[in-house]
Protein backbone atom coordinates (compact mmCIF):
# COMPACT_ATOMS: atom_id res chain seq x y z
CA MET A 1 64.31 -217.95 -193.17
CA MET A 2 61.96 -220.72 -191.97
CA SER A 3 58.76 -219.55 -190.27
CA LYS A 4 58.15 -220.59 -186.68
CA THR A 5 55.48 -223.24 -186.11
CA TYR A 6 53.60 -222.60 -182.90
CA LEU A 7 52.22 -225.36 -180.70
CA HIS A 8 48.61 -224.35 -181.35
CA GLN A 9 49.22 -224.77 -185.11
CA LYS A 10 50.63 -228.26 -184.57
CA ILE A 11 47.63 -229.19 -182.42
CA LYS A 12 45.24 -227.79 -185.03
CA ASP A 13 46.91 -229.85 -187.76
CA GLU A 14 46.67 -233.00 -185.64
CA ILE A 15 42.96 -232.47 -184.96
CA ILE A 16 42.36 -231.88 -188.69
CA ARG A 17 44.10 -235.19 -189.40
CA ARG A 18 41.82 -236.93 -186.91
CA ILE A 19 38.68 -235.33 -188.35
CA GLU A 20 39.60 -236.17 -191.95
CA SER A 21 40.45 -239.77 -191.01
CA GLY A 22 37.10 -240.22 -189.28
CA HIS A 23 38.59 -240.49 -185.78
CA TYR A 24 36.22 -237.65 -184.84
CA PRO A 25 33.04 -238.43 -186.88
CA VAL A 26 30.87 -235.76 -188.50
CA GLY A 27 28.09 -234.61 -186.20
CA GLU A 28 29.77 -235.94 -183.08
CA THR A 29 31.34 -234.00 -180.25
CA PHE A 30 35.00 -234.49 -179.46
CA PRO A 31 37.06 -234.01 -176.30
CA SER A 32 36.64 -230.84 -174.25
CA THR A 33 39.21 -228.07 -174.09
CA LYS A 34 40.31 -229.37 -170.70
CA GLU A 35 40.71 -232.94 -171.99
CA LEU A 36 42.70 -231.78 -175.03
CA ALA A 37 44.92 -229.61 -172.81
CA VAL A 38 45.76 -232.67 -170.72
CA GLU A 39 46.38 -234.83 -173.81
CA PHE A 40 48.71 -232.31 -175.44
CA SER A 41 50.32 -231.21 -172.15
CA THR A 42 49.52 -227.55 -172.68
CA SER A 43 47.18 -224.81 -171.46
CA SER A 44 43.52 -224.26 -172.30
CA VAL A 45 44.56 -220.94 -173.90
CA THR A 46 46.70 -222.82 -176.46
CA ILE A 47 43.87 -225.30 -177.16
CA ASP A 48 41.44 -222.41 -177.68
CA LYS A 49 43.82 -220.95 -180.29
CA ALA A 50 43.82 -224.28 -182.14
CA LEU A 51 40.04 -224.69 -181.97
CA ALA A 52 39.45 -221.11 -183.14
CA GLY A 53 41.46 -221.94 -186.27
CA LEU A 54 39.28 -225.02 -186.86
CA VAL A 55 36.13 -222.89 -186.54
CA GLU A 56 37.47 -220.45 -189.12
CA MET A 57 38.27 -223.33 -191.49
CA GLY A 58 34.78 -224.78 -191.10
CA TYR A 59 35.85 -228.07 -189.51
CA ILE A 60 33.95 -227.53 -186.27
CA SER A 61 31.25 -225.48 -184.62
CA ARG A 62 31.42 -224.56 -180.95
CA LYS A 63 28.12 -224.32 -179.11
CA ALA A 64 27.37 -223.16 -175.59
CA ARG A 65 26.99 -226.12 -173.20
CA LYS A 66 27.46 -228.58 -176.10
CA GLY A 67 31.17 -228.35 -176.78
CA SER A 68 32.77 -228.72 -180.22
CA VAL A 69 30.93 -230.59 -182.98
CA VAL A 70 32.43 -231.76 -186.28
CA ASN A 71 30.79 -230.10 -189.29
CA PRO A 72 29.80 -231.90 -192.53
CA ARG A 73 32.65 -232.38 -195.00
CA GLU A 74 31.25 -229.78 -197.44
CA SER A 75 31.90 -227.09 -194.79
CA TRP A 76 35.63 -227.83 -194.60
CA LYS A 77 37.98 -225.29 -196.14
CA SER A 78 41.69 -224.93 -196.68
CA GLU A 79 43.70 -222.22 -194.92
CA HIS A 80 43.42 -220.03 -198.04
CA GLU A 81 39.65 -220.55 -198.44
CA SER A 82 38.73 -219.70 -194.87
CA SER A 83 38.82 -215.91 -195.02
CA LYS A 84 35.22 -215.72 -193.77
CA GLY A 85 33.42 -218.23 -191.58
CA HIS A 86 29.82 -219.33 -191.68
CA VAL A 87 29.13 -217.88 -188.23
CA ARG A 88 29.40 -214.35 -186.88
CA LEU A 89 32.95 -213.79 -185.73
CA TYR A 90 34.29 -211.53 -183.00
CA SER A 91 37.86 -211.27 -181.81
CA LEU A 92 39.83 -211.07 -178.59
CA ILE A 93 43.03 -209.06 -179.10
CA MET A 94 45.63 -209.66 -176.41
CA ARG A 95 49.27 -210.53 -175.77
CA ASP A 96 50.44 -214.00 -176.69
CA SER A 97 51.42 -216.09 -173.63
CA PRO A 98 49.12 -214.27 -171.19
CA SER A 99 49.06 -214.89 -167.44
CA PRO A 100 46.94 -218.03 -167.06
CA TYR A 101 45.70 -217.23 -163.57
CA PHE A 102 43.37 -214.38 -164.52
CA TRP A 103 42.94 -214.94 -168.25
CA LYS A 104 41.96 -218.61 -168.25
CA ASN A 105 38.53 -217.94 -166.71
CA THR A 106 38.18 -214.56 -168.38
CA ILE A 107 38.56 -216.13 -171.82
CA LYS A 108 36.10 -218.86 -170.85
CA GLY A 109 33.58 -216.21 -169.84
CA ILE A 110 33.99 -214.46 -173.20
CA TYR A 111 33.57 -217.73 -175.11
CA ASP A 112 30.53 -218.77 -173.07
CA LYS A 113 28.68 -215.53 -173.78
CA VAL A 114 29.68 -215.38 -177.47
CA HIS A 115 28.68 -219.02 -178.05
CA SER A 116 25.28 -218.35 -176.45
CA HIS A 117 24.69 -215.99 -179.40
CA ASN A 118 25.62 -218.71 -181.93
CA ALA A 119 28.75 -216.73 -182.73
CA ASP A 120 32.43 -217.47 -182.22
CA ILE A 121 35.70 -215.86 -181.18
CA LEU A 122 38.68 -215.62 -183.51
CA PRO A 123 41.62 -214.94 -181.13
CA CYS A 124 44.20 -212.39 -182.22
CA TYR A 125 47.31 -213.03 -180.14
CA ILE A 126 49.98 -210.38 -180.54
CA ASP A 127 53.26 -209.35 -178.94
CA GLU A 128 55.39 -206.19 -178.80
CA ASN A 129 56.15 -206.29 -182.56
CA LEU A 130 54.06 -203.31 -183.69
CA SER A 131 54.14 -204.03 -187.42
CA SER A 132 52.96 -207.62 -186.92
CA ALA A 133 50.29 -206.54 -184.46
CA LEU A 134 48.87 -203.94 -186.86
CA SER A 135 48.84 -206.49 -189.70
CA ALA A 136 47.02 -208.99 -187.49
CA ILE A 137 44.33 -206.44 -186.62
CA ARG A 138 43.79 -205.48 -190.26
CA GLU A 139 43.57 -209.16 -191.17
CA LEU A 140 40.59 -209.46 -188.81
CA LYS A 141 38.67 -207.08 -191.09
CA ARG A 142 39.38 -209.31 -194.08
CA LYS A 143 38.15 -212.33 -192.16
CA GLY A 144 34.79 -210.74 -191.43
CA VAL A 145 35.19 -210.03 -187.72
CA GLN A 146 32.35 -207.82 -186.46
CA GLY A 147 33.73 -206.46 -183.21
CA VAL A 148 36.65 -206.84 -180.80
CA ILE A 149 37.50 -207.15 -177.13
CA PHE A 150 40.93 -205.63 -176.57
CA ALA A 151 43.31 -206.06 -173.63
CA PRO A 152 45.98 -203.37 -174.08
CA VAL A 153 49.44 -204.91 -174.17
CA SER A 154 51.76 -204.51 -171.15
CA MET A 155 55.06 -202.84 -172.03
CA LYS A 156 58.32 -201.99 -170.27
CA SER A 157 57.41 -198.38 -169.57
CA GLU A 158 54.36 -196.13 -169.36
CA GLU A 159 55.50 -194.22 -172.44
CA GLU A 160 55.85 -197.43 -174.49
CA TYR A 161 52.48 -198.70 -173.20
CA TYR A 162 50.59 -195.65 -174.45
CA ARG A 163 52.51 -195.23 -177.71
CA PHE A 164 52.10 -198.92 -178.69
CA ASN A 165 48.47 -199.37 -177.67
CA GLN A 166 47.31 -196.05 -179.13
CA GLU A 167 48.70 -197.23 -182.48
CA LEU A 168 46.66 -200.41 -182.12
CA LEU A 169 43.59 -198.40 -181.14
CA VAL A 170 43.91 -196.29 -184.30
CA ALA A 171 44.02 -199.48 -186.40
CA ILE A 172 40.98 -200.92 -184.60
CA ARG A 173 39.02 -197.73 -185.25
CA GLU A 174 40.11 -197.57 -188.89
CA CYS A 175 38.66 -201.07 -189.33
CA GLY A 176 35.35 -199.79 -187.90
CA PHE A 177 35.20 -202.42 -185.16
CA PRO A 178 32.90 -201.93 -182.17
CA LEU A 179 35.30 -202.14 -179.22
CA VAL A 180 35.40 -203.10 -175.55
CA MET A 181 38.62 -202.80 -173.55
CA ILE A 182 39.09 -205.32 -170.79
CA ASP A 183 41.16 -205.33 -167.55
CA ARG A 184 43.04 -202.13 -168.46
CA TYR A 185 42.48 -198.94 -170.43
CA LEU A 186 44.11 -195.94 -172.12
CA LYS A 187 43.75 -192.65 -170.26
CA GLY A 188 42.15 -189.91 -172.29
CA GLU A 189 40.52 -192.29 -174.79
CA LYS A 190 36.74 -192.50 -175.06
CA THR A 191 36.24 -196.26 -175.09
CA ASN A 192 34.06 -198.91 -173.50
CA ASN A 193 35.88 -200.47 -170.55
CA ILE A 194 35.44 -203.20 -168.01
CA VAL A 195 38.06 -203.15 -165.26
CA SER A 196 38.49 -204.15 -161.62
CA ASP A 197 38.86 -201.87 -158.61
CA ASP A 198 42.60 -202.47 -158.41
CA TYR A 199 43.48 -199.47 -156.24
CA GLU A 200 41.12 -200.29 -153.37
CA ALA A 201 42.11 -203.97 -153.46
CA ALA A 202 45.79 -202.96 -153.30
CA VAL A 203 45.17 -200.74 -150.28
CA TYR A 204 43.40 -203.59 -148.50
CA LEU A 205 46.19 -206.09 -149.28
CA THR A 206 48.92 -203.72 -148.11
CA GLU A 207 47.13 -202.85 -144.88
CA TYR A 208 46.69 -206.56 -144.28
CA LEU A 209 50.46 -207.08 -144.57
CA PHE A 210 51.03 -204.53 -141.83
CA SER A 211 48.30 -206.12 -139.69
CA VAL A 212 50.21 -209.44 -139.62
CA GLY A 213 53.39 -207.78 -138.40
CA VAL A 214 55.18 -206.77 -141.60
CA LYS A 215 57.06 -203.49 -141.24
CA LYS A 216 59.16 -203.26 -144.42
CA PRO A 217 57.17 -204.54 -147.42
CA ILE A 218 58.27 -204.39 -151.03
CA CYS A 219 56.06 -204.52 -154.11
CA ILE A 220 57.04 -206.99 -156.84
CA THR A 221 55.94 -206.01 -160.34
CA HIS A 222 56.90 -206.39 -163.99
CA LEU A 223 55.99 -204.32 -167.08
CA PHE A 224 53.51 -201.45 -167.16
CA ASN A 225 49.76 -201.46 -167.63
CA THR A 226 47.02 -199.41 -165.98
CA ALA A 227 45.91 -202.29 -163.73
CA PHE A 228 49.43 -202.67 -162.33
CA GLU A 229 49.74 -198.89 -162.04
CA SER A 230 46.63 -198.74 -159.83
CA ARG A 231 47.88 -201.63 -157.69
CA ILE A 232 51.28 -199.97 -157.21
CA ASN A 233 49.62 -196.64 -156.35
CA GLY A 234 47.51 -198.34 -153.70
CA PHE A 235 50.60 -199.99 -152.21
CA MET A 236 52.58 -196.73 -152.17
CA ASP A 237 49.76 -194.67 -150.67
CA VAL A 238 49.55 -197.03 -147.69
CA LEU A 239 53.32 -196.73 -147.20
CA LEU A 240 53.06 -192.93 -147.26
CA LYS A 241 50.31 -193.08 -144.65
CA ARG A 242 52.55 -195.38 -142.57
CA GLY A 243 55.39 -192.85 -142.45
CA PHE A 244 57.55 -193.71 -145.48
CA ASN A 245 58.51 -190.73 -147.64
CA LYS A 246 57.88 -190.68 -151.40
CA SER A 247 61.41 -191.72 -152.29
CA GLU A 248 61.35 -194.63 -149.83
CA ALA A 249 57.95 -195.78 -151.09
CA ARG A 250 59.06 -195.60 -154.73
CA GLU A 251 62.27 -197.58 -154.16
CA ARG A 252 60.18 -200.34 -152.57
CA VAL A 253 58.54 -201.01 -155.96
CA VAL A 254 60.78 -203.61 -157.62
CA ASP A 255 60.65 -204.80 -161.25
CA ILE A 256 61.50 -208.48 -160.91
CA ALA A 257 62.79 -208.83 -164.51
CA PRO A 258 63.77 -205.36 -165.74
CA ASP A 259 65.62 -206.57 -168.86
CA ARG A 260 62.90 -208.90 -170.17
CA ILE A 261 59.39 -208.90 -171.52
CA LEU A 262 58.51 -212.45 -170.42
CA ILE A 263 59.50 -213.69 -166.98
CA ASP A 264 61.48 -216.92 -166.63
CA GLY A 265 60.38 -218.31 -163.28
CA THR A 266 63.19 -220.87 -163.33
CA ASP A 267 65.94 -218.22 -163.53
CA THR A 268 66.30 -217.97 -159.77
CA GLY A 269 69.77 -216.45 -159.99
CA SER A 270 68.57 -213.36 -161.86
CA THR A 271 65.61 -212.97 -159.50
CA CYS A 272 67.84 -213.13 -156.42
CA LYS A 273 70.19 -210.59 -157.98
CA VAL A 274 67.28 -208.17 -158.41
CA LEU A 275 66.10 -208.75 -154.84
CA ASN A 276 69.61 -208.15 -153.55
CA GLY A 277 69.38 -204.68 -155.05
CA SER A 278 66.13 -203.89 -153.28
CA PRO A 279 65.66 -202.32 -149.82
CA ARG A 280 65.54 -204.72 -146.89
CA PHE A 281 62.15 -206.40 -146.66
CA ASP A 282 60.10 -208.68 -144.40
CA GLY A 283 57.01 -208.94 -146.58
CA ILE A 284 56.06 -208.95 -150.27
CA PHE A 285 53.11 -207.47 -152.14
CA SER A 286 52.87 -209.04 -155.63
CA VAL A 287 50.86 -207.49 -158.47
CA ASN A 288 50.08 -210.92 -159.94
CA ALA A 289 50.62 -214.64 -159.41
CA ILE A 290 53.41 -215.08 -161.97
CA ASN A 291 55.58 -212.57 -160.10
CA LEU A 292 54.77 -214.27 -156.81
CA PHE A 293 55.76 -217.73 -158.07
CA THR A 294 58.98 -216.31 -159.51
CA VAL A 295 59.99 -214.82 -156.17
CA VAL A 296 58.95 -217.89 -154.17
CA ASN A 297 61.01 -220.14 -156.46
CA ALA A 298 64.04 -217.92 -155.92
CA LEU A 299 63.63 -217.84 -152.15
CA ARG A 300 63.60 -221.64 -152.05
CA GLU A 301 67.21 -221.66 -153.25
CA LYS A 302 68.88 -221.72 -149.83
CA ASN A 303 72.33 -221.05 -151.24
CA GLN A 304 71.34 -217.74 -152.82
CA ILE A 305 68.72 -216.20 -150.55
CA PRO A 306 68.91 -212.40 -150.96
CA MET A 307 70.77 -210.60 -148.19
CA THR A 308 67.97 -208.02 -148.17
CA ALA A 309 65.37 -210.59 -147.03
CA GLU A 310 64.87 -210.37 -143.27
CA SER A 311 64.03 -213.74 -141.65
CA PRO A 312 63.32 -215.49 -145.00
CA ASP A 313 61.47 -218.35 -143.30
CA ARG A 314 58.98 -215.89 -141.82
CA LEU A 315 58.29 -213.73 -144.86
CA ARG A 316 54.65 -212.86 -145.47
CA PHE A 317 53.09 -212.44 -148.91
CA VAL A 318 49.93 -210.89 -150.34
CA ASN A 319 48.98 -211.32 -153.95
CA PHE A 320 46.64 -210.51 -156.82
CA ASP A 321 45.21 -213.61 -158.57
CA GLU A 322 43.90 -217.01 -157.61
CA ILE A 323 46.63 -219.61 -157.04
CA GLY A 324 44.33 -222.65 -157.30
CA ILE A 325 45.31 -225.70 -155.26
CA LEU A 326 48.94 -224.63 -154.85
CA ARG A 327 50.23 -223.98 -151.36
CA ILE A 328 52.73 -221.19 -150.71
CA ASP A 329 54.18 -220.91 -147.23
CA GLY A 330 53.81 -217.37 -145.95
CA LEU A 331 50.97 -216.37 -148.30
CA VAL A 332 48.30 -214.76 -146.11
CA LEU A 333 45.85 -213.10 -148.50
CA SER A 334 44.96 -213.01 -152.22
CA ALA A 335 42.74 -210.55 -154.09
CA ILE A 336 40.74 -212.48 -156.68
CA GLN A 337 38.91 -210.97 -159.63
CA GLU A 338 35.56 -212.26 -160.82
CA SER A 339 37.34 -213.22 -164.03
CA HIS A 340 34.62 -215.37 -165.63
CA LYS A 341 32.02 -212.66 -164.96
CA ILE A 342 34.35 -209.99 -166.36
CA GLY A 343 34.72 -212.02 -169.56
CA GLN A 344 30.96 -212.48 -169.85
CA LEU A 345 30.27 -208.80 -169.25
CA SER A 346 32.76 -207.68 -171.88
CA ALA A 347 31.09 -209.93 -174.47
CA GLN A 348 27.63 -208.81 -173.33
CA ILE A 349 28.55 -205.16 -173.90
CA LEU A 350 29.95 -205.99 -177.35
CA LEU A 351 27.16 -208.29 -178.58
CA GLU A 352 24.06 -207.00 -176.78
CA LEU A 353 24.44 -203.42 -175.54
CA LEU A 354 26.48 -201.68 -178.25
CA PRO A 355 24.14 -202.78 -181.08
CA GLN A 356 21.25 -201.15 -179.16
CA TRP A 357 23.13 -198.04 -178.03
CA PRO A 358 26.02 -197.56 -180.49
CA ASP A 359 26.74 -194.03 -179.26
CA ALA A 360 26.89 -194.97 -175.57
CA VAL A 361 30.12 -195.44 -173.63
CA PHE A 362 30.04 -198.19 -171.02
CA HIS A 363 32.44 -198.19 -168.05
CA VAL A 364 32.11 -201.08 -165.61
CA VAL A 365 34.20 -201.47 -162.44
CA LYS A 366 34.13 -204.82 -160.67
CA GLY A 367 35.14 -205.38 -157.06
CA TYR A 368 37.42 -208.08 -155.69
CA GLN A 369 36.92 -211.08 -153.48
CA PHE A 370 39.58 -211.90 -150.90
CA ARG A 371 40.87 -215.27 -149.81
CA GLU A 372 42.72 -215.72 -146.52
CA TYR A 373 45.17 -218.54 -146.00
CA PRO A 374 45.81 -220.20 -142.64
């Protein structure tokens, strides 16, 4: 069976070809992550995967505020020779194909802090294949990684979330890695965490929906993680306070893609089918931007608007995540994490605080900023 070649591997190979041909001269900087993302029509996350591979192979060094610089030829290694780099390596363990809206700036914050220590990040992108994920974590030990930042992987159910991520946590501990969990956590585990105050932000968003006239909101979600759990709990508690019973509040939490791991925002038919099975609604609370865009795309299909949507042209939305320059009719408020700062703080705990206080347990909770839309 032929192995799959990922886009970041193709980009890495193309940059190696350019370096070896002299297109990017030794000692010179080459295009930024943003510029390469535009050139290759992909995300900065994919470019970072490619550049991390080049760091490991000795082709480049990445310096804070200086960008990527081509190393002398004697530093270059083949894939098989590059088991250990010439710089201190740390790793970010997270799901492949993450949500770009929060993670783009979070990853940048991690890289900025790590590079300021003349170190680098070797990304470890995993999915729900447990065997492959465990192998990838153990491979980090062989490559000389000295510590990890870990975002527990979202799964279809709470049970799967804890079973899968506790297996990964065991492997991380067996490797002896100093560890910081980011954005979510595992209840009952003594670990360093940096998270956001998701519950209070969810309460504020839901109350805001009611303040603009919404009477029958639903919560759009997908997969389970502790951040989403807190957001859903905040939404449901407001509904209980507003007179809904527990059963009514629970049925207003809708998984937008119950049969999938990754959401296909272009599959408007499946999304409308799910919404048609929900209670009647006149407002939507979304746990992240990807879910919001999926629903909005479906509602634009005039020939298949869900029968459960009351006055579709006057629906109101609230949302977690920044949506950038995009405009969404009906969006009234977003809760936005300090994602770059969260990334920096996670790396600061790993690189600066844990070496000084290895027996300490750090737990940081960051608040949200809110953006209103006219």
